[in-house]
Protein backbone atom coordinates (compact mmCIF):
# COMPACT_ATOMS: atom_id res chain seq x y z
CA MET A 1 -21.23 6.08 -7.42
CA LEU A 2 -17.44 6.76 -9.28
CA ASP A 3 -17.29 6.05 -12.42
CA ASP A 4 -13.90 4.71 -13.72
CA ALA A 5 -11.87 7.57 -14.37
CA ASP A 6 -12.83 8.84 -10.72
CA ILE A 7 -11.20 6.08 -9.17
CA ALA A 8 -8.31 6.22 -11.56
CA ALA A 9 -7.78 9.84 -10.30
CA TYR A 10 -8.10 9.03 -6.98
CA SER A 11 -5.96 6.48 -6.63
CA LYS A 12 -3.43 8.58 -8.69
CA GLY A 13 -3.85 10.92 -6.53
CA LEU A 14 -3.12 8.59 -3.03
CA ILE A 15 -0.24 7.08 -4.69
CA GLU A 16 1.66 10.81 -5.66
CA ALA A 17 0.61 11.51 -2.40
CA LEU A 18 1.95 8.56 -0.59
CA ARG A 19 4.98 8.39 -2.54
CA SER A 20 6.04 12.46 -1.80
CA THR A 21 5.79 11.21 2.10
CA ASP A 22 4.77 14.75 2.73
CA PRO A 23 2.47 15.17 5.33
CA VAL A 24 1.40 18.88 3.33
CA ARG A 25 0.32 16.45 -0.04
CA LEU A 26 -1.33 13.78 2.33
CA ARG A 27 -3.59 16.78 3.98
CA ALA A 28 -4.45 18.22 0.42
CA PHE A 29 -5.39 14.69 -1.28
CA ALA A 30 -7.65 14.11 2.05
CA GLU A 31 -9.18 17.89 1.50
CA LEU A 32 -10.39 17.16 -2.14
CA TRP A 33 -11.45 13.77 -1.75
CA GLY A 34 -13.25 14.09 1.49
CA LYS A 35 -15.30 17.04 -0.58
CA ARG A 36 -15.71 15.14 -3.26
CA LEU A 37 -16.50 12.11 -1.58
CA SER A 38 -18.82 13.30 0.99
CA ASN A 39 -16.10 10.95 2.72
CA ARG A 40 -16.12 11.40 6.41
CA GLY A 41 -12.89 9.38 7.50
CA LEU A 42 -11.44 11.62 4.47
CA GLN A 43 -12.46 14.93 5.68
CA GLN A 44 -10.89 13.89 9.38
CA LEU A 45 -8.16 13.61 8.04
CA ALA A 46 -7.33 16.60 6.70
CA LYS A 47 -8.35 18.27 9.91
CA ALA A 48 -5.90 16.00 11.62
CA SER A 49 -3.06 17.24 13.57
CA GLU A 50 0.44 17.55 11.57
CA LYS A 51 1.49 14.97 13.89
CA ALA A 52 -1.03 12.18 13.33
CA ILE A 53 -1.50 13.19 9.75
CA GLU A 54 2.48 12.16 9.48
CA ARG A 55 1.78 8.81 11.22
CA ARG A 56 -0.97 8.01 9.15
CA MET A 57 0.84 8.55 6.35
CA TRP A 58 3.54 6.12 7.11
CA LEU A 59 1.06 3.55 8.60
CA MET A 60 -0.67 3.80 4.96
CA ILE A 61 2.66 3.32 3.18
CA ARG A 62 3.50 0.39 4.98
CA ASP A 63 0.40 -1.08 4.32
CA ARG A 64 0.33 -0.90 0.34
CA PRO A 65 2.41 -3.67 -1.52
CA ASP A 66 2.53 -0.92 -4.50
CA LEU A 67 4.96 1.10 -2.50
CA SER A 68 7.34 -1.78 -1.49
CA ASP A 69 9.92 0.33 -2.44
CA LEU A 70 9.17 2.78 0.25
CA HIS A 71 8.57 -0.17 3.13
CA LEU A 72 12.30 -0.18 5.02
CA ALA A 73 11.76 3.77 5.37
CA ALA A 74 7.90 3.68 6.43
CA GLU A 75 9.36 0.69 9.39
CA ALA A 76 12.28 3.28 10.36
CA TRP A 77 10.06 6.37 10.50
CA LEU A 78 7.47 4.23 12.76
CA ALA A 79 9.92 2.32 14.68
CA GLY A 80 11.84 5.91 16.23
CA HIS A 81 8.03 7.36 16.47
CA PRO A 82 5.96 4.72 18.53
CA ALA A 83 2.02 5.43 19.13
CA GLU A 84 1.51 7.08 22.29
CA GLU A 85 -0.91 5.32 24.30
CA SER A 86 -4.51 6.46 25.09
CA ARG A 87 -5.17 7.59 28.13
C-alpha cells in the first residue's frame, strides 16, 4: 500500500513528465513506477512504441484538469495525428 509520500511522489512525477511533453520522460516515469508498484499498465506503457507512448501522453494531458494550460496543444496534436484503425 502506498503511503502519502509515495502518492505525492507519484503524482508529482506524472505531472512533471506530462508537462514536459516529452515521451521519453513519460516512458522513464512508467518504467520507474511500473516496477515500484508492480503495475502492469505502467509496465506495458514503458514498453510501448514511441508512437503509442506519444499518443497516450497527449491523451493524458488532454484529460487532466490540472494541465488545462496544455489542452489546446493536446487537441491540436491529436487532431493532427488521428488514431489508426484496428484491423
